[in-house]
Amino acid sequence: MSLFSRRYGAHPVHLLVMACCFTVAGYAAVQLLMGRTVAVAVWFIGAALLHDLVLVPLYSAADLTAQAALPPHKGRQGPTDSKGPTDSEGRRGRTGRSAGRRGLNHLRTPVVLSLLLLLVWFPLILRRSAPYHQDTGLSDSVYLDRWLLITAGLFVASALTALINTARRRHRARLTADG
């Protein structure tokens, strides 16, 4: 067993799970491509081109703009070696980051998840899916409200996470300062 794990790089269960995943993905691909091969291929190519040529530059520019709007980085300075950065007193630890830079990740996450949901469901959110009502008999009028609620929930959850992380950081700093 250890020889297999060493040569494969993981536990044998990993190989079994991966084989099952590829089997399910293969089955889904065959079902998806039946009868609509050209349409599905055009959709995949179009989605890849849209993502790589339009969306990546857009969200990269938005992220760089957000980073540029933050105050200059004022983290701990100090020499670094193979064991990681140190502060001015020689203590090891993560490099300091300004609160704005830490908080940027708490903004990025809900924005990315919300935009991903919008990208997947935009025909229903924007009520541009005429066949949906005809095909399902369900109304598409609830999708915008639900997307907005999910987006608000994502931002609230991210803000709470930021508050908890800040409280933990301050608590650790007090414990370090006291003792």
N, C-alpha and C. Protein backbone atom coordinates (compact mmCIF):
# COMPACT_ATOMS: atom_id res chain seq x y z
N MET A 1 0.83 -1.19 0.00
CA MET A 1 0.00 0.00 0.00
C MET A 1 0.87 1.25 0.00
N SER A 2 1.91 1.27 0.81
CA SER A 2 2.76 2.45 0.87
C SER A 2 3.53 2.64 -0.44
N LEU A 3 3.89 1.54 -1.12
CA LEU A 3 4.56 1.66 -2.41
C LEU A 3 3.62 2.32 -3.42
N PHE A 4 2.36 1.89 -3.44
CA PHE A 4 1.39 2.50 -4.33
C PHE A 4 1.21 3.98 -4.02
N SER A 5 1.06 4.30 -2.74
CA SER A 5 0.86 5.70 -2.35
C SER A 5 2.06 6.55 -2.71
N ARG A 6 3.26 5.99 -2.54
CA ARG A 6 4.46 6.75 -2.90
C ARG A 6 4.54 7.00 -4.40
N ARG A 7 4.26 5.97 -5.17
CA ARG A 7 4.36 6.09 -6.63
C ARG A 7 3.22 6.93 -7.20
N TYR A 8 2.01 6.74 -6.68
CA TYR A 8 0.86 7.48 -7.18
C TYR A 8 0.84 8.90 -6.61
N GLY A 9 1.23 9.06 -5.39
CA GLY A 9 1.27 10.38 -4.76
C GLY A 9 0.08 10.67 -3.86
N ALA A 10 -0.82 9.72 -3.74
CA ALA A 10 -1.99 9.90 -2.88
C ALA A 10 -2.54 8.53 -2.48
N HIS A 11 -3.51 8.56 -1.60
CA HIS A 11 -4.15 7.33 -1.15
C HIS A 11 -4.93 6.69 -2.29
N PRO A 12 -5.05 5.37 -2.33
CA PRO A 12 -5.80 4.71 -3.41
C PRO A 12 -7.25 5.17 -3.53
N VAL A 13 -7.85 5.61 -2.42
CA VAL A 13 -9.22 6.11 -2.48
C VAL A 13 -9.29 7.33 -3.40
N HIS A 14 -8.23 8.13 -3.40
CA HIS A 14 -8.18 9.29 -4.29
C HIS A 14 -8.31 8.85 -5.75
N LEU A 15 -7.59 7.82 -6.12
CA LEU A 15 -7.66 7.30 -7.48
C LEU A 15 -9.07 6.82 -7.81
N LEU A 16 -9.71 6.14 -6.87
CA LEU A 16 -11.07 5.65 -7.08
C LEU A 16 -12.05 6.81 -7.26
N VAL A 17 -11.94 7.83 -6.42
CA VAL A 17 -12.82 8.99 -6.52
C VAL A 17 -12.60 9.72 -7.84
N MET A 18 -11.35 9.88 -8.24
CA MET A 18 -11.06 10.55 -9.51
C MET A 18 -11.60 9.75 -10.69
N ALA A 19 -11.49 8.43 -10.66
CA ALA A 19 -12.04 7.60 -11.73
C ALA A 19 -13.55 7.75 -11.80
N CYS A 20 -14.21 7.81 -10.66
CA CYS A 20 -15.67 8.03 -10.64
C CYS A 20 -16.03 9.40 -11.21
N CYS A 21 -15.28 10.41 -10.84
CA CYS A 21 -15.54 11.76 -11.34
C CYS A 21 -15.39 11.82 -12.85
N PHE A 22 -14.33 11.22 -13.38
CA PHE A 22 -14.14 11.22 -14.83
C PHE A 22 -15.21 10.41 -15.54
N THR A 23 -15.68 9.34 -14.91
CA THR A 23 -16.77 8.56 -15.50
C THR A 23 -18.05 9.38 -15.59
N VAL A 24 -18.40 10.06 -14.51
CA VAL A 24 -19.60 10.90 -14.51
C VAL A 24 -19.45 12.05 -15.52
N ALA A 25 -18.28 12.68 -15.57
CA ALA A 25 -18.07 13.77 -16.51
C ALA A 25 -18.15 13.27 -17.95
N GLY A 26 -17.60 12.12 -18.21
CA GLY A 26 -17.67 11.54 -19.55
C GLY A 26 -19.10 11.24 -19.95
N TYR A 27 -19.87 10.67 -19.03
CA TYR A 27 -21.27 10.38 -19.30
C TYR A 27 -22.04 11.68 -19.58
N ALA A 28 -21.80 12.71 -18.78
CA ALA A 28 -22.47 14.00 -18.98
C ALA A 28 -22.09 14.60 -20.33
N ALA A 29 -20.83 14.49 -20.71
CA ALA A 29 -20.39 15.03 -22.00
C ALA A 29 -21.08 14.31 -23.15
N VAL A 30 -21.18 12.99 -23.06
CA VAL A 30 -21.85 12.22 -24.13
C VAL A 30 -23.32 12.63 -24.22
N GLN A 31 -23.99 12.76 -23.09
CA GLN A 31 -25.40 13.16 -23.09
C GLN A 31 -25.58 14.57 -23.63
N LEU A 32 -24.68 15.46 -23.28
CA LEU A 32 -24.76 16.84 -23.73
C LEU A 32 -24.53 16.96 -25.23
N LEU A 33 -23.60 16.18 -25.74
CA LEU A 33 -23.24 16.28 -27.15
C LEU A 33 -24.18 15.53 -28.09
N MET A 34 -25.05 14.69 -27.56
CA MET A 34 -25.96 13.93 -28.42
C MET A 34 -26.91 14.87 -29.17
N GLY A 35 -26.77 14.91 -30.47
CA GLY A 35 -27.68 15.67 -31.30
C GLY A 35 -27.39 17.15 -31.41
N ARG A 36 -26.57 17.71 -30.51
CA ARG A 36 -26.30 19.14 -30.54
C ARG A 36 -24.80 19.40 -30.49
N THR A 37 -24.04 18.58 -31.14
CA THR A 37 -22.59 18.66 -31.05
C THR A 37 -22.06 20.02 -31.48
N VAL A 38 -22.50 20.51 -32.62
CA VAL A 38 -22.00 21.79 -33.14
C VAL A 38 -22.40 22.94 -32.22
N ALA A 39 -23.65 22.95 -31.76
CA ALA A 39 -24.11 24.04 -30.89
C ALA A 39 -23.34 24.06 -29.57
N VAL A 40 -23.10 22.88 -29.00
CA VAL A 40 -22.36 22.81 -27.74
C VAL A 40 -20.91 23.23 -27.95
N ALA A 41 -20.30 22.78 -29.03
CA ALA A 41 -18.91 23.17 -29.32
C ALA A 41 -18.79 24.68 -29.52
N VAL A 42 -19.74 25.26 -30.25
CA VAL A 42 -19.72 26.72 -30.46
C VAL A 42 -19.89 27.44 -29.13
N TRP A 43 -20.78 26.92 -28.26
CA TRP A 43 -21.00 27.54 -26.97
C TRP A 43 -19.72 27.49 -26.12
N PHE A 44 -19.05 26.32 -26.07
CA PHE A 44 -17.81 26.20 -25.29
C PHE A 44 -16.72 27.11 -25.82
N ILE A 45 -16.55 27.14 -27.12
CA ILE A 45 -15.51 28.00 -27.71
C ILE A 45 -15.84 29.46 -27.46
N GLY A 46 -17.11 29.83 -27.65
CA GLY A 46 -17.52 31.21 -27.39
C GLY A 46 -17.33 31.60 -25.94
N ALA A 47 -17.68 30.69 -25.03
CA ALA A 47 -17.51 30.98 -23.60
C ALA A 47 -16.03 31.14 -23.24
N ALA A 48 -15.18 30.29 -23.80
CA ALA A 48 -13.74 30.39 -23.52
C ALA A 48 -13.18 31.70 -24.07
N LEU A 49 -13.57 32.05 -25.29
CA LEU A 49 -13.08 33.30 -25.88
C LEU A 49 -13.61 34.51 -25.12
N LEU A 50 -14.89 34.49 -24.77
CA LEU A 50 -15.47 35.60 -24.01
C LEU A 50 -14.74 35.75 -22.68
N HIS A 51 -14.51 34.64 -22.00
CA HIS A 51 -13.82 34.71 -20.71
C HIS A 51 -12.40 35.24 -20.87
N ASP A 52 -11.63 34.62 -21.77
CA ASP A 52 -10.21 34.96 -21.88
C ASP A 52 -9.95 36.32 -22.52
N LEU A 53 -10.76 36.71 -23.48
CA LEU A 53 -10.49 37.95 -24.21
C LEU A 53 -11.25 39.16 -23.68
N VAL A 54 -12.35 38.93 -22.97
CA VAL A 54 -13.15 40.05 -22.49
C VAL A 54 -13.17 40.11 -20.96
N LEU A 55 -13.58 39.02 -20.32
CA LEU A 55 -13.79 39.07 -18.88
C LEU A 55 -12.50 39.15 -18.07
N VAL A 56 -11.47 38.39 -18.44
CA VAL A 56 -10.21 38.45 -17.68
C VAL A 56 -9.62 39.86 -17.69
N PRO A 57 -9.52 40.52 -18.85
CA PRO A 57 -9.02 41.91 -18.80
C PRO A 57 -9.92 42.84 -17.98
N LEU A 58 -11.23 42.64 -18.03
CA LEU A 58 -12.13 43.50 -17.27
C LEU A 58 -11.96 43.33 -15.78
N TYR A 59 -11.98 42.08 -15.29
CA TYR A 59 -11.87 41.95 -13.84
C TYR A 59 -10.45 42.14 -13.35
N SER A 60 -9.46 41.94 -14.20
CA SER A 60 -8.08 42.27 -13.81
C SER A 60 -7.91 43.78 -13.67
N ALA A 61 -8.48 44.53 -14.61
CA ALA A 61 -8.42 45.99 -14.53
C ALA A 61 -9.18 46.50 -13.30
N ALA A 62 -10.33 45.91 -13.01
CA ALA A 62 -11.09 46.32 -11.83
C ALA A 62 -10.31 46.03 -10.55
N ASP A 63 -9.65 44.89 -10.48
CA ASP A 63 -8.87 44.55 -9.29
C ASP A 63 -7.66 45.47 -9.14
N LEU A 64 -6.98 45.75 -10.25
CA LEU A 64 -5.84 46.67 -10.18
C LEU A 64 -6.28 48.07 -9.78
N THR A 65 -7.44 48.49 -10.26
CA THR A 65 -7.97 49.79 -9.87
C THR A 65 -8.28 49.83 -8.38
N ALA A 66 -8.87 48.77 -7.87
CA ALA A 66 -9.18 48.70 -6.44
C ALA A 66 -7.89 48.71 -5.61
N GLN A 67 -6.86 47.99 -6.07
CA GLN A 67 -5.60 47.98 -5.34
C GLN A 67 -4.92 49.35 -5.38
N ALA A 68 -5.01 50.02 -6.54
CA ALA A 68 -4.39 51.34 -6.67
C ALA A 68 -5.09 52.37 -5.79
N ALA A 69 -6.36 52.18 -5.52
CA ALA A 69 -7.11 53.13 -4.69
C ALA A 69 -6.76 53.01 -3.21
N LEU A 70 -6.13 51.91 -2.83
CA LEU A 70 -5.76 51.71 -1.43
C LEU A 70 -4.52 52.52 -1.09
N PRO A 71 -4.34 52.85 0.18
CA PRO A 71 -3.12 53.55 0.59
C PRO A 71 -1.90 52.66 0.36
N PRO A 72 -0.71 53.27 0.25
CA PRO A 72 0.50 52.48 0.03
C PRO A 72 0.70 51.45 1.13
N HIS A 73 1.31 50.33 0.76
CA HIS A 73 1.55 49.22 1.67
C HIS A 73 2.52 49.65 2.77
N LYS A 74 2.13 49.43 4.02
CA LYS A 74 2.98 49.79 5.16
C LYS A 74 3.12 48.59 6.08
N GLY A 75 3.55 47.48 5.52
CA GLY A 75 3.71 46.25 6.30
C GLY A 75 5.00 46.26 7.07
N ARG A 76 5.21 45.20 7.80
CA ARG A 76 6.46 45.05 8.55
C ARG A 76 7.61 44.93 7.58
N GLN A 77 8.68 45.59 7.85
CA GLN A 77 9.87 45.52 7.03
C GLN A 77 10.89 44.66 7.74
N GLY A 78 11.73 44.01 7.00
CA GLY A 78 12.76 43.22 7.64
C GLY A 78 13.35 42.22 6.68
N PRO A 79 14.48 41.65 7.05
CA PRO A 79 15.13 40.70 6.17
C PRO A 79 14.30 39.43 6.03
N THR A 80 14.47 38.76 4.91
CA THR A 80 13.77 37.50 4.70
C THR A 80 14.80 36.42 4.42
N ASP A 81 14.44 35.20 4.74
CA ASP A 81 15.27 34.06 4.39
C ASP A 81 14.35 32.92 3.99
N SER A 82 14.89 31.73 3.89
CA SER A 82 14.10 30.61 3.40
C SER A 82 12.98 30.22 4.36
N LYS A 83 13.05 30.66 5.61
CA LYS A 83 12.02 30.29 6.57
C LYS A 83 10.90 31.32 6.61
N GLY A 84 11.00 32.37 5.84
CA GLY A 84 9.92 33.35 5.78
C GLY A 84 10.38 34.70 6.28
N PRO A 85 9.51 35.69 6.16
CA PRO A 85 9.86 37.05 6.53
C PRO A 85 9.94 37.22 8.05
N THR A 86 10.70 38.20 8.44
CA THR A 86 10.81 38.53 9.86
C THR A 86 10.50 40.01 10.01
N ASP A 87 10.13 40.40 11.22
CA ASP A 87 9.90 41.82 11.45
C ASP A 87 11.21 42.46 11.91
N SER A 88 11.13 43.74 12.31
CA SER A 88 12.35 44.46 12.66
C SER A 88 13.03 43.90 13.91
N GLU A 89 12.32 43.13 14.73
CA GLU A 89 12.91 42.54 15.93
C GLU A 89 13.35 41.10 15.70
N GLY A 90 13.26 40.61 14.46
CA GLY A 90 13.73 39.28 14.15
C GLY A 90 12.71 38.18 14.35
N ARG A 91 11.46 38.54 14.69
CA ARG A 91 10.43 37.52 14.89
C ARG A 91 9.90 37.06 13.54
N ARG A 92 9.64 35.76 13.44
CA ARG A 92 9.07 35.21 12.21
C ARG A 92 7.56 35.38 12.23
N GLY A 93 7.00 35.47 11.07
CA GLY A 93 5.54 35.59 10.96
C GLY A 93 5.17 36.08 9.58
N ARG A 94 3.88 36.22 9.37
CA ARG A 94 3.43 36.73 8.09
C ARG A 94 3.78 38.20 7.99
N THR A 95 4.02 38.63 6.78
CA THR A 95 4.28 40.05 6.61
C THR A 95 3.01 40.81 6.93
N GLY A 96 3.17 41.97 7.50
CA GLY A 96 2.00 42.77 7.82
C GLY A 96 1.34 43.29 6.55
N ARG A 97 0.06 43.45 6.61
CA ARG A 97 -0.66 44.02 5.48
C ARG A 97 -1.56 45.10 6.04
N SER A 98 -1.74 46.16 5.28
CA SER A 98 -2.63 47.20 5.74
C SER A 98 -4.04 46.65 5.81
N ALA A 99 -4.86 47.26 6.63
CA ALA A 99 -6.24 46.80 6.79
C ALA A 99 -6.99 46.85 5.47
N GLY A 100 -6.67 47.83 4.64
CA GLY A 100 -7.34 47.94 3.34
C GLY A 100 -7.02 46.77 2.43
N ARG A 101 -5.78 46.35 2.44
CA ARG A 101 -5.39 45.22 1.59
C ARG A 101 -6.00 43.93 2.10
N ARG A 102 -6.10 43.77 3.43
CA ARG A 102 -6.75 42.60 3.99
C ARG A 102 -8.23 42.62 3.64
N GLY A 103 -8.83 43.78 3.75
CA GLY A 103 -10.26 43.92 3.49
C GLY A 103 -10.63 43.75 2.04
N LEU A 104 -9.67 43.94 1.15
CA LEU A 104 -9.95 43.80 -0.28
C LEU A 104 -10.41 42.39 -0.62
N ASN A 105 -9.85 41.40 0.02
CA ASN A 105 -10.30 40.02 -0.22
C ASN A 105 -11.72 39.80 0.26
N HIS A 106 -12.12 40.51 1.31
CA HIS A 106 -13.49 40.40 1.79
C HIS A 106 -14.46 41.12 0.86
N LEU A 107 -13.96 41.94 -0.02
CA LEU A 107 -14.77 42.56 -1.06
C LEU A 107 -14.75 41.73 -2.34
N ARG A 108 -13.57 41.21 -2.67
CA ARG A 108 -13.44 40.41 -3.89
C ARG A 108 -14.35 39.19 -3.89
N THR A 109 -14.40 38.47 -2.79
CA THR A 109 -15.14 37.21 -2.74
C THR A 109 -16.62 37.37 -3.05
N PRO A 110 -17.36 38.25 -2.36
CA PRO A 110 -18.77 38.37 -2.72
C PRO A 110 -19.00 38.94 -4.11
N VAL A 111 -18.11 39.82 -4.56
CA VAL A 111 -18.26 40.37 -5.91
C VAL A 111 -18.11 39.26 -6.94
N VAL A 112 -17.08 38.43 -6.80
CA VAL A 112 -16.84 37.36 -7.76
C VAL A 112 -17.99 36.35 -7.74
N LEU A 113 -18.42 35.94 -6.56
CA LEU A 113 -19.52 34.97 -6.48
C LEU A 113 -20.82 35.55 -7.03
N SER A 114 -21.09 36.81 -6.74
CA SER A 114 -22.30 37.44 -7.25
C SER A 114 -22.26 37.57 -8.77
N LEU A 115 -21.13 37.97 -9.31
CA LEU A 115 -21.00 38.08 -10.76
C LEU A 115 -21.05 36.71 -11.43
N LEU A 116 -20.52 35.69 -10.78
CA LEU A 116 -20.61 34.34 -11.33
C LEU A 116 -22.08 33.89 -11.40
N LEU A 117 -22.83 34.15 -10.35
CA LEU A 117 -24.26 33.83 -10.38
C LEU A 117 -24.98 34.62 -11.47
N LEU A 118 -24.62 35.89 -11.62
CA LEU A 118 -25.22 36.71 -12.67
C LEU A 118 -24.89 36.15 -14.05
N LEU A 119 -23.65 35.75 -14.23
CA LEU A 119 -23.22 35.20 -15.52
C LEU A 119 -23.98 33.93 -15.86
N VAL A 120 -24.19 33.07 -14.88
CA VAL A 120 -24.87 31.80 -15.12
C VAL A 120 -26.37 32.01 -15.34
N TRP A 121 -26.97 32.89 -14.56
CA TRP A 121 -28.43 33.03 -14.57
C TRP A 121 -28.93 34.30 -15.23
N PHE A 122 -28.07 35.06 -15.95
CA PHE A 122 -28.49 36.37 -16.45
C PHE A 122 -29.73 36.35 -17.33
N PRO A 123 -29.98 35.33 -18.14
CA PRO A 123 -31.21 35.39 -18.93
C PRO A 123 -32.47 35.42 -18.04
N LEU A 124 -32.42 34.70 -16.94
CA LEU A 124 -33.57 34.69 -16.04
C LEU A 124 -33.60 35.92 -15.14
N ILE A 125 -32.43 36.35 -14.67
CA ILE A 125 -32.36 37.53 -13.80
C ILE A 125 -32.83 38.77 -14.56
N LEU A 126 -32.41 38.89 -15.83
CA LEU A 126 -32.79 40.06 -16.64
C LEU A 126 -34.08 39.84 -17.43
N ARG A 127 -34.75 38.72 -17.18
CA ARG A 127 -36.00 38.35 -17.85
C ARG A 127 -35.86 38.37 -19.37
N ARG A 128 -34.80 37.71 -19.84
CA ARG A 128 -34.54 37.60 -21.28
C ARG A 128 -34.70 36.17 -21.78
N SER A 129 -35.38 35.34 -21.03
CA SER A 129 -35.51 33.94 -21.39
C SER A 129 -36.97 33.61 -21.67
N ALA A 130 -37.42 33.93 -22.86
CA ALA A 130 -38.82 33.69 -23.24
C ALA A 130 -39.18 32.21 -23.16
N PRO A 131 -38.32 31.28 -23.62
CA PRO A 131 -38.73 29.88 -23.59
C PRO A 131 -38.86 29.31 -22.18
N TYR A 132 -38.28 29.94 -21.18
CA TYR A 132 -38.30 29.39 -19.83
C TYR A 132 -39.73 29.21 -19.34
N HIS A 133 -40.53 30.26 -19.45
CA HIS A 133 -41.91 30.18 -18.97
C HIS A 133 -42.71 29.18 -19.78
N GLN A 134 -42.48 29.16 -21.09
CA GLN A 134 -43.20 28.22 -21.95
C GLN A 134 -42.79 26.78 -21.65
N ASP A 135 -41.51 26.56 -21.39
CA ASP A 135 -41.01 25.20 -21.17
C ASP A 135 -41.35 24.67 -19.78
N THR A 136 -41.33 25.53 -18.78
CA THR A 136 -41.50 25.06 -17.40
C THR A 136 -42.83 25.43 -16.79
N GLY A 137 -43.48 26.45 -17.31
CA GLY A 137 -44.71 26.93 -16.70
C GLY A 137 -44.46 27.77 -15.46
N LEU A 138 -43.20 28.04 -15.15
CA LEU A 138 -42.83 28.83 -13.98
C LEU A 138 -42.51 30.26 -14.39
N SER A 139 -42.67 31.18 -13.49
CA SER A 139 -42.38 32.58 -13.76
C SER A 139 -40.89 32.86 -13.55
N ASP A 140 -40.36 33.76 -14.35
CA ASP A 140 -38.97 34.16 -14.16
C ASP A 140 -38.88 35.47 -13.37
N SER A 141 -39.99 35.90 -12.78
CA SER A 141 -40.02 37.18 -12.08
C SER A 141 -39.31 37.16 -10.73
N VAL A 142 -39.01 35.99 -10.20
CA VAL A 142 -38.40 35.91 -8.87
C VAL A 142 -36.87 35.95 -8.91
N TYR A 143 -36.28 35.77 -10.06
CA TYR A 143 -34.83 35.60 -10.13
C TYR A 143 -34.06 36.86 -9.77
N LEU A 144 -34.50 38.02 -10.19
CA LEU A 144 -33.79 39.25 -9.86
C LEU A 144 -33.80 39.48 -8.35
N ASP A 145 -34.96 39.33 -7.73
CA ASP A 145 -35.05 39.52 -6.28
C ASP A 145 -34.17 38.53 -5.53
N ARG A 146 -34.19 37.29 -5.96
CA ARG A 146 -33.38 36.26 -5.29
C ARG A 146 -31.89 36.51 -5.48
N TRP A 147 -31.50 36.93 -6.68
CA TRP A 147 -30.09 37.23 -6.92
C TRP A 147 -29.64 38.39 -6.04
N LEU A 148 -30.48 39.42 -5.93
CA LEU A 148 -30.14 40.56 -5.08
C LEU A 148 -30.04 40.14 -3.61
N LEU A 149 -30.94 39.28 -3.17
CA LEU A 149 -30.88 38.79 -1.78
C LEU A 149 -29.62 37.95 -1.55
N ILE A 150 -29.30 37.08 -2.49
CA ILE A 150 -28.08 36.26 -2.36
C ILE A 150 -26.85 37.16 -2.35
N THR A 151 -26.83 38.16 -3.22
CA THR A 151 -25.70 39.09 -3.26
C THR A 151 -25.57 39.82 -1.92
N ALA A 152 -26.69 40.31 -1.39
CA ALA A 152 -26.65 40.99 -0.09
C ALA A 152 -26.16 40.02 0.99
N GLY A 153 -26.65 38.79 0.97
CA GLY A 153 -26.20 37.79 1.94
C GLY A 153 -24.70 37.52 1.84
N LEU A 154 -24.19 37.46 0.62
CA LEU A 154 -22.74 37.23 0.43
C LEU A 154 -21.94 38.38 1.04
N PHE A 155 -22.40 39.62 0.82
CA PHE A 155 -21.67 40.77 1.37
C PHE A 155 -21.78 40.81 2.90
N VAL A 156 -22.94 40.46 3.45
CA VAL A 156 -23.09 40.42 4.91
C VAL A 156 -22.20 39.34 5.50
N ALA A 157 -22.20 38.15 4.89
CA ALA A 157 -21.34 37.07 5.39
C ALA A 157 -19.87 37.45 5.32
N SER A 158 -19.48 38.12 4.25
CA SER A 158 -18.09 38.54 4.11
C SER A 158 -17.74 39.61 5.15
N ALA A 159 -18.65 40.53 5.40
CA ALA A 159 -18.41 41.57 6.40
C ALA A 159 -18.29 40.96 7.80
N LEU A 160 -19.15 39.99 8.10
CA LEU A 160 -19.06 39.31 9.40
C LEU A 160 -17.74 38.55 9.53
N THR A 161 -17.31 37.91 8.46
CA THR A 161 -16.02 37.21 8.48
C THR A 161 -14.89 38.20 8.72
N ALA A 162 -14.96 39.35 8.07
CA ALA A 162 -13.92 40.37 8.27
C ALA A 162 -13.91 40.85 9.72
N LEU A 163 -15.09 41.06 10.29
CA LEU A 163 -15.17 41.50 11.69
C LEU A 163 -14.60 40.45 12.64
N ILE A 164 -14.95 39.20 12.41
CA ILE A 164 -14.43 38.11 13.25
C ILE A 164 -12.91 38.01 13.13
N ASN A 165 -12.40 38.09 11.91
CA ASN A 165 -10.95 38.03 11.72
C ASN A 165 -10.25 39.20 12.39
N THR A 166 -10.83 40.39 12.30
CA THR A 166 -10.24 41.56 12.94
C THR A 166 -10.24 41.39 14.46
N ALA A 167 -11.34 40.90 15.01
CA ALA A 167 -11.41 40.68 16.46
C ALA A 167 -10.38 39.65 16.90
N ARG A 168 -10.23 38.58 16.14
CA ARG A 168 -9.22 37.56 16.48
C ARG A 168 -7.81 38.14 16.42
N ARG A 169 -7.53 38.93 15.39
CA ARG A 169 -6.21 39.53 15.25
C ARG A 169 -5.91 40.46 16.42
N ARG A 170 -6.90 41.27 16.81
CA ARG A 170 -6.71 42.19 17.93
C ARG A 170 -6.53 41.42 19.24
N HIS A 171 -7.29 40.35 19.40
CA HIS A 171 -7.16 39.53 20.61
C HIS A 171 -5.77 38.90 20.70
N ARG A 172 -5.28 38.36 19.57
CA ARG A 172 -3.93 37.79 19.56
C ARG A 172 -2.87 38.86 19.83
N ALA A 173 -3.09 40.04 19.29
CA ALA A 173 -2.13 41.12 19.51
C ALA A 173 -2.09 41.51 20.99
N ARG A 174 -3.28 41.56 21.64
CA ARG A 174 -3.33 41.87 23.07
C ARG A 174 -2.64 40.80 23.89
N LEU A 175 -2.86 39.52 23.53
CA LEU A 175 -2.22 38.45 24.26
C LEU A 175 -0.70 38.50 24.09
N THR A 176 -0.23 38.81 22.89
CA THR A 176 1.19 38.92 22.63
C THR A 176 1.79 40.10 23.39
N ALA A 177 1.07 41.22 23.42
CA ALA A 177 1.56 42.40 24.11
C ALA A 177 1.59 42.20 25.62
N ASP A 178 0.63 41.46 26.14
CA ASP A 178 0.57 41.23 27.60
C ASP A 178 1.57 40.20 28.09
N GLY A 179 1.92 39.29 27.22
CA GLY A 179 2.70 38.23 27.80
C GLY A 179 3.78 37.73 27.00
